[in-house]
Amino acid sequence: MTRAELGSLYDRSLFEQRRGIVGWVSGIAFFCLVMLAMYPTIHANTSFSKLIDAYPEALRKLFDISDYTTGPGYLRTEVFSFMAPLLVTIYAILQGSDLLAGEEERRTIDLLLANPISRRRVVLEKWLALATGVIVLSLVLELLLGLAGPLFELHLGWRQLSAAVLGTALFALFGGTFALAWGAATGARGAARGVSAAVVIAMYLLSALAQLVAALKSFEWASLWYHALGGDPLTTGFHYGHLGVLVVFIGALLAAAVRLFERRDLTA
């Protein structure tokens, strides 16, 4: 690896993700267009309103169904209650687990570290490439919903939409950074993916079930899903305190990843 290549480790990491980013962007774009195309049949449809009202209250709370025939209510239920955050988070976990642990499994990490480059820089620049991928996917999500929405009679303020997309992006970046940190500590890509997926699913379930189980309500604050999307950003906009919690956790995980990778013996 030449000095010129070392000067663009971020570019190298992003280049390696290019096909994945293109594929995930295509998938998210298709998902958004399908959801938008369905909205005109639901908008202001009294039959749908009556059907939703007939659902059990527990079901409506679990899937955050309210004002379903309005733009914010429809997007909350069909896009941001589960699917969009799930898609972006899966991408982040897959990429985060591969950045360090994947390099070890492919036995290319030694070649990289044999060059005059610090382990700290390796972690930070690879994380920046991960964050860039998450940002790209999130921008596609926001621009498609915001620009194409009116074509399908779905109107939503950019501030509210941006709040929901930012919460989604930060939650996904938390999952990806967790996978990166686990990979930095163990070098096991599969375990990094499995543990990270278990953590984010547990956080989603805690936030969702807290709406149904009174005993869990007092523990809802422990779920980063709650801090990302639990405050109904599509209606209320930004909640900077909650978003700040996500930023703190991401920063702590990144610092842990740097520390763990610097101290690990990679000769085994």
C-alpha atoms as a PDB file:
ATOM      1  CA  MET A   1       0.000   0.000   0.000  1.00  0.00           C
ATOM      2  CA  THR A   2       1.455   3.344  -1.019  1.00  0.00           C
ATOM      3  CA  ARG A   3       1.524   6.574   0.943  1.00  0.00           C
ATOM      4  CA  ALA A   4      -1.047   7.982  -1.468  1.00  0.00           C
ATOM      5  CA  GLU A   5      -3.380   5.116  -0.643  1.00  0.00           C
ATOM      6  CA  LEU A   6      -2.716   5.552   3.080  1.00  0.00           C
ATOM      7  CA  GLY A   7      -3.640   9.202   2.703  1.00  0.00           C
ATOM      8  CA  SER A   8      -7.120   8.086   1.662  1.00  0.00           C
ATOM      9  CA  LEU A   9      -7.934   5.185   3.962  1.00  0.00           C
ATOM     10  CA  TYR A  10     -11.391   6.706   4.275  1.00  0.00           C
ATOM     11  CA  ASP A  11     -11.720   6.673   0.476  1.00  0.00           C
ATOM     12  CA  ARG A  12     -10.538   3.051   0.370  1.00  0.00           C
ATOM     13  CA  SER A  13     -13.116   1.992   2.969  1.00  0.00           C
ATOM     14  CA  LEU A  14     -15.872   3.883   1.187  1.00  0.00           C
ATOM     15  CA  PHE A  15     -14.827   2.410  -2.157  1.00  0.00           C
ATOM     16  CA  GLU A  16     -15.115  -1.088  -0.702  1.00  0.00           C
ATOM     17  CA  GLN A  17     -18.685  -0.291   0.387  1.00  0.00           C
ATOM     18  CA  ARG A  18     -19.771   1.164  -2.957  1.00  0.00           C
ATOM     19  CA  ARG A  19     -21.707  -1.860  -4.212  1.00  0.00           C
ATOM     20  CA  GLY A  20     -23.395  -2.337  -0.891  1.00  0.00           C
ATOM     21  CA  ILE A  21     -24.400   1.314  -0.778  1.00  0.00           C
ATOM     22  CA  VAL A  22     -25.828   1.191  -4.296  1.00  0.00           C
ATOM     23  CA  GLY A  23     -27.788  -1.958  -3.508  1.00  0.00           C
ATOM     24  CA  TRP A  24     -29.183  -0.620  -0.249  1.00  0.00           C
ATOM     25  CA  VAL A  25     -30.044   2.739  -1.811  1.00  0.00           C
ATOM     26  CA  SER A  26     -31.981   0.895  -4.518  1.00  0.00           C
ATOM     27  CA  GLY A  27     -33.814  -1.175  -1.929  1.00  0.00           C
ATOM     28  CA  ILE A  28     -34.758   1.821   0.197  1.00  0.00           C
ATOM     29  CA  ALA A  29     -35.858   3.775  -2.888  1.00  0.00           C
ATOM     30  CA  PHE A  30     -38.085   0.904  -3.989  1.00  0.00           C
ATOM     31  CA  PHE A  31     -39.555   0.556  -0.493  1.00  0.00           C
ATOM     32  CA  CYS A  32     -40.335   4.296  -0.303  1.00  0.00           C
ATOM     33  CA  LEU A  33     -41.969   4.372  -3.731  1.00  0.00           C
ATOM     34  CA  VAL A  34     -44.147   1.361  -2.915  1.00  0.00           C
ATOM     35  CA  MET A  35     -45.281   2.950   0.357  1.00  0.00           C
ATOM     36  CA  LEU A  36     -45.984   6.270  -1.343  1.00  0.00           C
ATOM     37  CA  ALA A  37     -47.893   4.600  -4.185  1.00  0.00           C
ATOM     38  CA  MET A  38     -50.247   2.983  -1.663  1.00  0.00           C
ATOM     39  CA  TYR A  39     -51.082   6.230   0.101  1.00  0.00           C
ATOM     40  CA  PRO A  40     -53.650   7.696  -2.371  1.00  0.00           C
ATOM     41  CA  THR A  41     -55.936   4.700  -1.740  1.00  0.00           C
ATOM     42  CA  ILE A  42     -55.733   5.350   2.016  1.00  0.00           C
ATOM     43  CA  HIS A  43     -55.762   9.141   2.185  1.00  0.00           C
ATOM     44  CA  ALA A  44     -59.054  10.452   3.572  1.00  0.00           C
ATOM     45  CA  ASN A  45     -60.604   6.988   3.138  1.00  0.00           C
ATOM     46  CA  THR A  46     -63.301   6.666   5.800  1.00  0.00           C
ATOM     47  CA  SER A  47     -63.401   2.901   5.388  1.00  0.00           C
ATOM     48  CA  PHE A  48     -59.756   2.661   6.418  1.00  0.00           C
ATOM     49  CA  SER A  49     -60.408   4.938   9.369  1.00  0.00           C
ATOM     50  CA  LYS A  50     -63.224   2.695  10.568  1.00  0.00           C
ATOM     51  CA  LEU A  51     -61.072  -0.399  10.057  1.00  0.00           C
ATOM     52  CA  ILE A  52     -58.212   1.066  12.097  1.00  0.00           C
ATOM     53  CA  ASP A  53     -60.611   2.157  14.828  1.00  0.00           C
ATOM     54  CA  ALA A  54     -61.819  -1.442  15.053  1.00  0.00           C
ATOM     55  CA  TYR A  55     -58.315  -2.748  15.783  1.00  0.00           C
ATOM     56  CA  PRO A  56     -57.623  -3.705  19.395  1.00  0.00           C
ATOM     57  CA  GLU A  57     -56.030  -0.883  21.337  1.00  0.00           C
ATOM     58  CA  ALA A  58     -53.028  -3.074  22.158  1.00  0.00           C
ATOM     59  CA  LEU A  59     -52.362  -3.634  18.460  1.00  0.00           C
ATOM     60  CA  ARG A  60     -52.604   0.064  17.698  1.00  0.00           C
ATOM     61  CA  LYS A  61     -50.157   0.887  20.467  1.00  0.00           C
ATOM     62  CA  LEU A  62     -47.737  -1.862  19.475  1.00  0.00           C
ATOM     63  CA  PHE A  63     -47.461  -0.634  15.882  1.00  0.00           C
ATOM     64  CA  ASP A  64     -47.946   3.043  16.754  1.00  0.00           C
ATOM     65  CA  ILE A  65     -51.079   3.347  14.614  1.00  0.00           C
ATOM     66  CA  SER A  66     -52.830   6.692  14.932  1.00  0.00           C
ATOM     67  CA  ASP A  67     -54.185   9.182  12.405  1.00  0.00           C
ATOM     68  CA  TYR A  68     -53.418   6.509   9.815  1.00  0.00           C
ATOM     69  CA  THR A  69     -55.081   8.266   6.887  1.00  0.00           C
ATOM     70  CA  THR A  70     -52.988  11.424   7.351  1.00  0.00           C
ATOM     71  CA  GLY A  71     -49.479  11.860   5.955  1.00  0.00           C
ATOM     72  CA  PRO A  72     -47.644  11.850   9.305  1.00  0.00           C
ATOM     73  CA  GLY A  73     -49.754   8.990  10.658  1.00  0.00           C
ATOM     74  CA  TYR A  74     -49.245   6.862   7.558  1.00  0.00           C
ATOM     75  CA  LEU A  75     -45.478   7.385   7.475  1.00  0.00           C
ATOM     76  CA  ARG A  76     -45.236   6.772  11.212  1.00  0.00           C
ATOM     77  CA  THR A  77     -46.948   3.408  10.893  1.00  0.00           C
ATOM     78  CA  GLU A  78     -45.696   2.117   7.554  1.00  0.00           C
ATOM     79  CA  VAL A  79     -42.220   3.626   7.307  1.00  0.00           C
ATOM     80  CA  PHE A  80     -40.762   4.802  10.603  1.00  0.00           C
ATOM     81  CA  SER A  81     -42.407   2.481  13.108  1.00  0.00           C
ATOM     82  CA  PHE A  82     -40.127  -0.358  12.026  1.00  0.00           C
ATOM     83  CA  MET A  83     -39.142  -0.881   8.377  1.00  0.00           C
ATOM     84  CA  ALA A  84     -37.033   2.173   7.487  1.00  0.00           C
ATOM     85  CA  PRO A  85     -35.015   2.138  10.736  1.00  0.00           C
ATOM     86  CA  LEU A  86     -34.599  -1.624  10.354  1.00  0.00           C
ATOM     87  CA  LEU A  87     -33.235  -1.356   6.807  1.00  0.00           C
ATOM     88  CA  VAL A  88     -30.725   1.381   7.587  1.00  0.00           C
ATOM     89  CA  THR A  89     -29.659  -0.349  10.813  1.00  0.00           C
ATOM     90  CA  ILE A  90     -29.090  -3.694   9.090  1.00  0.00           C
ATOM     91  CA  TYR A  91     -26.850  -1.941   6.566  1.00  0.00           C
ATOM     92  CA  ALA A  92     -24.909  -0.235   9.364  1.00  0.00           C
ATOM     93  CA  ILE A  93     -24.422  -3.462  11.340  1.00  0.00           C
ATOM     94  CA  LEU A  94     -23.262  -5.404   8.293  1.00  0.00           C
ATOM     95  CA  GLN A  95     -20.757  -2.716   7.330  1.00  0.00           C
ATOM     96  CA  GLY A  96     -19.638  -1.967  10.885  1.00  0.00           C
ATOM     97  CA  SER A  97     -18.916  -5.624  11.602  1.00  0.00           C
ATOM     98  CA  ASP A  98     -16.892  -5.938   8.388  1.00  0.00           C
ATOM     99  CA  LEU A  99     -14.657  -2.889   8.722  1.00  0.00           C
ATOM    100  CA  LEU A 100     -12.260  -4.398  11.272  1.00  0.00           C
ATOM    101  CA  ALA A 101     -13.373  -7.968  11.958  1.00  0.00           C
ATOM    102  CA  GLY A 102     -13.867  -8.562   8.249  1.00  0.00           C
ATOM    103  CA  GLU A 103     -10.336  -7.360   7.545  1.00  0.00           C
ATOM    104  CA  GLU A 104      -9.055  -9.824  10.138  1.00  0.00           C
ATOM    105  CA  GLU A 105     -11.016 -12.736   8.705  1.00  0.00           C
ATOM    106  CA  ARG A 106      -9.747 -11.929   5.218  1.00  0.00           C
ATOM    107  CA  ARG A 107      -6.216 -11.684   6.693  1.00  0.00           C
ATOM    108  CA  THR A 108      -5.647  -8.235   5.191  1.00  0.00           C
ATOM    109  CA  ILE A 109      -5.409  -6.344   8.484  1.00  0.00           C
ATOM    110  CA  ASP A 110      -1.715  -7.213   8.938  1.00  0.00           C
ATOM    111  CA  LEU A 111      -0.873  -5.749   5.538  1.00  0.00           C
ATOM    112  CA  LEU A 112      -2.733  -2.577   6.431  1.00  0.00           C
ATOM    113  CA  LEU A 113      -1.098  -2.160   9.840  1.00  0.00           C
ATOM    114  CA  ALA A 114       2.370  -2.923   8.497  1.00  0.00           C
ATOM    115  CA  ASN A 115       2.288   0.546   6.949  1.00  0.00           C
ATOM    116  CA  PRO A 116       3.028   3.753   8.904  1.00  0.00           C
ATOM    117  CA  ILE A 117      -0.531   4.277  10.083  1.00  0.00           C
ATOM    118  CA  SER A 118      -1.837   4.233  13.627  1.00  0.00           C
ATOM    119  CA  ARG A 119      -4.567   1.898  14.757  1.00  0.00           C
ATOM    120  CA  ARG A 120      -6.516   4.906  15.993  1.00  0.00           C
ATOM    121  CA  ARG A 121      -6.553   6.344  12.490  1.00  0.00           C
ATOM    122  CA  VAL A 122      -7.645   3.012  11.033  1.00  0.00           C
ATOM    123  CA  VAL A 123     -10.667   2.880  13.355  1.00  0.00           C
ATOM    124  CA  LEU A 124     -11.645   6.525  12.943  1.00  0.00           C
ATOM    125  CA  GLU A 125     -11.405   6.644   9.158  1.00  0.00           C
ATOM    126  CA  LYS A 126     -13.256   3.363   8.776  1.00  0.00           C
ATOM    127  CA  TRP A 127     -15.959   4.678  11.093  1.00  0.00           C
ATOM    128  CA  LEU A 128     -16.216   7.845   8.995  1.00  0.00           C
ATOM    129  CA  ALA A 129     -16.813   5.656   5.934  1.00  0.00           C
ATOM    130  CA  LEU A 130     -19.534   3.825   7.859  1.00  0.00           C
ATOM    131  CA  ALA A 131     -21.142   7.115   8.878  1.00  0.00           C
ATOM    132  CA  THR A 132     -21.012   8.335   5.275  1.00  0.00           C
ATOM    133  CA  GLY A 133     -22.893   5.254   4.084  1.00  0.00           C
ATOM    134  CA  VAL A 134     -25.569   5.763   6.740  1.00  0.00           C
ATOM    135  CA  ILE A 135     -25.877   9.431   5.763  1.00  0.00           C
ATOM    136  CA  VAL A 136     -26.285   8.544   2.081  1.00  0.00           C
ATOM    137  CA  LEU A 137     -29.069   6.052   2.815  1.00  0.00           C
ATOM    138  CA  SER A 138     -30.780   8.513   5.151  1.00  0.00           C
ATOM    139  CA  LEU A 139     -30.631  11.330   2.612  1.00  0.00           C
ATOM    140  CA  VAL A 140     -32.185   9.096  -0.033  1.00  0.00           C
ATOM    141  CA  LEU A 141     -34.943   8.204   2.425  1.00  0.00           C
ATOM    142  CA  GLU A 142     -35.652  11.838   3.253  1.00  0.00           C
ATOM    143  CA  LEU A 143     -35.433  13.226  -0.283  1.00  0.00           C
ATOM    144  CA  LEU A 144     -37.663  10.553  -1.765  1.00  0.00           C
ATOM    145  CA  LEU A 145     -40.340  10.949   0.895  1.00  0.00           C
ATOM    146  CA  GLY A 146     -40.096  14.735   0.884  1.00  0.00           C
ATOM    147  CA  LEU A 147     -39.920  15.340  -2.858  1.00  0.00           C
ATOM    148  CA  ALA A 148     -41.999  12.446  -4.199  1.00  0.00           C
ATOM    149  CA  GLY A 149     -44.565  12.516  -1.398  1.00  0.00           C
ATOM    150  CA  PRO A 150     -46.625  15.408  -2.836  1.00  0.00           C
ATOM    151  CA  LEU A 151     -46.893  13.512  -6.135  1.00  0.00           C
ATOM    152  CA  PHE A 152     -48.851  10.885  -4.200  1.00  0.00           C
ATOM    153  CA  GLU A 153     -50.918  13.385  -2.184  1.00  0.00           C
ATOM    154  CA  LEU A 154     -48.708  12.949   0.879  1.00  0.00           C
ATOM    155  CA  HIS A 155     -47.624  16.246   2.378  1.00  0.00           C
ATOM    156  CA  LEU A 156     -45.327  16.557   5.370  1.00  0.00           C
ATOM    157  CA  GLY A 157     -43.194  19.375   6.716  1.00  0.00           C
ATOM    158  CA  TRP A 158     -39.478  19.069   6.077  1.00  0.00           C
ATOM    159  CA  ARG A 159     -38.674  19.783   9.726  1.00  0.00           C
ATOM    160  CA  GLN A 160     -40.735  16.858  10.993  1.00  0.00           C
ATOM    161  CA  LEU A 161     -39.454  14.543   8.274  1.00  0.00           C
ATOM    162  CA  SER A 162     -35.850  15.557   8.987  1.00  0.00           C
ATOM    163  CA  ALA A 163     -36.363  14.850  12.689  1.00  0.00           C
ATOM    164  CA  ALA A 164     -37.590  11.317  11.967  1.00  0.00           C
ATOM    165  CA  VAL A 165     -34.794  10.632   9.474  1.00  0.00           C
ATOM    166  CA  LEU A 166     -32.136  11.962  11.848  1.00  0.00           C
ATOM    167  CA  GLY A 167     -33.415   9.722  14.628  1.00  0.00           C
ATOM    168  CA  THR A 168     -33.336   6.794  12.223  1.00  0.00           C
ATOM    169  CA  ALA A 169     -29.780   7.605  11.108  1.00  0.00           C
ATOM    170  CA  LEU A 170     -28.453   7.963  14.657  1.00  0.00           C
ATOM    171  CA  PHE A 171     -30.044   4.713  15.791  1.00  0.00           C
ATOM    172  CA  ALA A 172     -28.562   2.927  12.775  1.00  0.00           C
ATOM    173  CA  LEU A 173     -25.165   4.488  13.434  1.00  0.00           C
ATOM    174  CA  PHE A 174     -25.364   3.276  17.033  1.00  0.00           C
ATOM    175  CA  GLY A 175     -25.936  -0.270  15.770  1.00  0.00           C
ATOM    176  CA  GLY A 176     -23.089   0.001  13.274  1.00  0.00           C
ATOM    177  CA  THR A 177     -20.702   1.476  15.826  1.00  0.00           C
ATOM    178  CA  PHE A 178     -21.601  -1.259  18.309  1.00  0.00           C
ATOM    179  CA  ALA A 179     -20.727  -3.852  15.658  1.00  0.00           C
ATOM    180  CA  LEU A 180     -17.481  -2.013  14.907  1.00  0.00           C
ATOM    181  CA  ALA A 181     -16.538  -1.966  18.596  1.00  0.00           C
ATOM    182  CA  TRP A 182     -17.358  -5.653  19.044  1.00  0.00           C
ATOM    183  CA  GLY A 183     -15.268  -6.491  16.009  1.00  0.00           C
ATOM    184  CA  ALA A 184     -12.422  -4.345  17.340  1.00  0.00           C
ATOM    185  CA  ALA A 185     -12.515  -6.248  20.633  1.00  0.00           C
ATOM    186  CA  THR A 186     -12.851  -9.793  19.294  1.00  0.00           C
ATOM    187  CA  GLY A 187     -12.098  -9.916  15.573  1.00  0.00           C
ATOM    188  CA  ALA A 188     -15.210 -12.063  15.140  1.00  0.00           C
ATOM    189  CA  ARG A 189     -17.435 -10.687  12.380  1.00  0.00           C
ATOM    190  CA  GLY A 190     -20.302 -13.138  12.884  1.00  0.00           C
ATOM    191  CA  ALA A 191     -20.477 -12.507  16.611  1.00  0.00           C
ATOM    192  CA  ALA A 192     -20.346  -8.753  16.039  1.00  0.00           C
ATOM    193  CA  ARG A 193     -23.351  -8.991  13.754  1.00  0.00           C
ATOM    194  CA  GLY A 194     -25.301 -11.327  16.012  1.00  0.00           C
ATOM    195  CA  VAL A 195     -24.740  -9.420  19.246  1.00  0.00           C
ATOM    196  CA  SER A 196     -25.396  -6.043  17.621  1.00  0.00           C
ATOM    197  CA  ALA A 197     -28.628  -7.290  16.065  1.00  0.00           C
ATOM    198  CA  ALA A 198     -29.737  -8.710  19.414  1.00  0.00           C
ATOM    199  CA  VAL A 199     -29.063  -5.391  21.142  1.00  0.00           C
ATOM    200  CA  VAL A 200     -30.983  -3.242  18.656  1.00  0.00           C
ATOM    201  CA  ILE A 201     -33.907  -5.699  18.557  1.00  0.00           C
ATOM    202  CA  ALA A 202     -34.030  -5.734  22.357  1.00  0.00           C
ATOM    203  CA  MET A 203     -34.155  -1.934  22.373  1.00  0.00           C
ATOM    204  CA  TYR A 204     -36.978  -1.918  19.829  1.00  0.00           C
ATOM    205  CA  LEU A 205     -38.956  -4.504  21.806  1.00  0.00           C
ATOM    206  CA  LEU A 206     -38.477  -2.617  25.071  1.00  0.00           C
ATOM    207  CA  SER A 207     -39.786   0.583  23.507  1.00  0.00           C
ATOM    208  CA  ALA A 208     -42.707  -1.180  21.790  1.00  0.00           C
ATOM    209  CA  LEU A 209     -43.744  -3.332  24.727  1.00  0.00           C
ATOM    210  CA  ALA A 210     -43.504  -0.386  27.109  1.00  0.00           C
ATOM    211  CA  GLN A 211     -46.660   0.901  25.399  1.00  0.00           C
ATOM    212  CA  LEU A 212     -48.487  -2.270  26.473  1.00  0.00           C
ATOM    213  CA  VAL A 213     -46.911  -3.336  29.758  1.00  0.00           C
ATOM    214  CA  ALA A 214     -47.116  -0.783  32.554  1.00  0.00           C
ATOM    215  CA  ALA A 215     -44.201  -2.372  34.405  1.00  0.00           C
ATOM    216  CA  LEU A 216     -41.903  -1.686  31.438  1.00  0.00           C
ATOM    217  CA  LYS A 217     -42.951   1.932  30.988  1.00  0.00           C
ATOM    218  CA  SER A 218     -40.587   3.186  33.676  1.00  0.00           C
ATOM    219  CA  PHE A 219     -37.682   1.481  31.887  1.00  0.00           C
ATOM    220  CA  GLU A 220     -38.435   2.852  28.434  1.00  0.00           C
ATOM    221  CA  TRP A 221     -35.706   5.472  28.839  1.00  0.00           C
ATOM    222  CA  ALA A 222     -33.127   2.651  28.613  1.00  0.00           C
ATOM    223  CA  SER A 223     -34.066   2.025  24.964  1.00  0.00           C
ATOM    224  CA  LEU A 224     -32.204   4.064  22.381  1.00  0.00           C
ATOM    225  CA  TRP A 225     -35.083   3.357  20.002  1.00  0.00           C
ATOM    226  CA  TYR A 226     -37.225   5.447  22.336  1.00  0.00           C
ATOM    227  CA  HIS A 227     -34.708   8.294  22.213  1.00  0.00           C
ATOM    228  CA  ALA A 228     -34.508   8.056  18.421  1.00  0.00           C
ATOM    229  CA  LEU A 229     -38.168   7.788  17.449  1.00  0.00           C
ATOM    230  CA  GLY A 230     -40.280   7.406  20.574  1.00  0.00           C
ATOM    231  CA  GLY A 231     -41.203  11.066  20.789  1.00  0.00           C
ATOM    232  CA  ASP A 232     -43.190  10.974  17.520  1.00  0.00           C
ATOM    233  CA  PRO A 233     -40.860  13.303  15.577  1.00  0.00           C
ATOM    234  CA  LEU A 234     -43.168  13.234  12.543  1.00  0.00           C
ATOM    235  CA  THR A 235     -45.602  15.297  14.603  1.00  0.00           C
ATOM    236  CA  THR A 236     -43.514  17.065  17.220  1.00  0.00           C
ATOM    237  CA  GLY A 237     -40.208  17.604  15.384  1.00  0.00           C
ATOM    238  CA  PHE A 238     -36.761  17.495  16.959  1.00  0.00           C
ATOM    239  CA  HIS A 239     -36.135  16.380  20.534  1.00  0.00           C
ATOM    240  CA  TYR A 240     -32.551  17.449  21.004  1.00  0.00           C
ATOM    241  CA  GLY A 241     -32.150  15.935  24.452  1.00  0.00           C
ATOM    242  CA  HIS A 242     -33.095  12.481  23.186  1.00  0.00           C
ATOM    243  CA  LEU A 243     -30.906  12.830  20.104  1.00  0.00           C
ATOM    244  CA  GLY A 244     -28.056  13.923  22.337  1.00  0.00           C
ATOM    245  CA  VAL A 245     -28.307  10.636  24.246  1.00  0.00           C
ATOM    246  CA  LEU A 246     -27.740   8.778  20.983  1.00  0.00           C
ATOM    247  CA  VAL A 247     -24.746  10.942  20.117  1.00  0.00           C
ATOM    248  CA  VAL A 248     -23.194  10.265  23.540  1.00  0.00           C
ATOM    249  CA  PHE A 249     -23.599   6.492  23.171  1.00  0.00           C
ATOM    250  CA  ILE A 250     -22.153   6.544  19.649  1.00  0.00           C
ATOM    251  CA  GLY A 251     -19.177   8.588  20.838  1.00  0.00           C
ATOM    252  CA  ALA A 252     -18.591   6.258  23.787  1.00  0.00           C
ATOM    253  CA  LEU A 253     -18.700   3.183  21.552  1.00  0.00           C
ATOM    254  CA  LEU A 254     -16.312   4.755  19.061  1.00  0.00           C
ATOM    255  CA  ALA A 255     -13.874   5.638  21.843  1.00  0.00           C
ATOM    256  CA  ALA A 256     -14.153   2.075  23.152  1.00  0.00           C
ATOM    257  CA  ALA A 257     -13.501   0.693  19.669  1.00  0.00           C
ATOM    258  CA  VAL A 258     -10.324   2.778  19.358  1.00  0.00           C
ATOM    259  CA  ARG A 259      -9.110   1.766  22.802  1.00  0.00           C
ATOM    260  CA  LEU A 260      -9.857  -1.939  22.344  1.00  0.00           C
ATOM    261  CA  PHE A 261      -8.282  -2.116  18.896  1.00  0.00           C
ATOM    262  CA  GLU A 262      -5.140  -0.316  20.085  1.00  0.00           C
ATOM    263  CA  ARG A 263      -4.675  -2.779  22.961  1.00  0.00           C
ATOM    264  CA  ARG A 264      -5.449  -6.019  21.133  1.00  0.00           C
ATOM    265  CA  ASP A 265      -2.776  -8.472  20.103  1.00  0.00           C
ATOM    266  CA  LEU A 266      -3.535  -9.301  16.459  1.00  0.00           C
ATOM    267  CA  THR A 267      -0.765 -11.847  16.061  1.00  0.00           C
ATOM    268  CA  ALA A 268      -2.901 -14.801  17.152  1.00  0.00           C
END
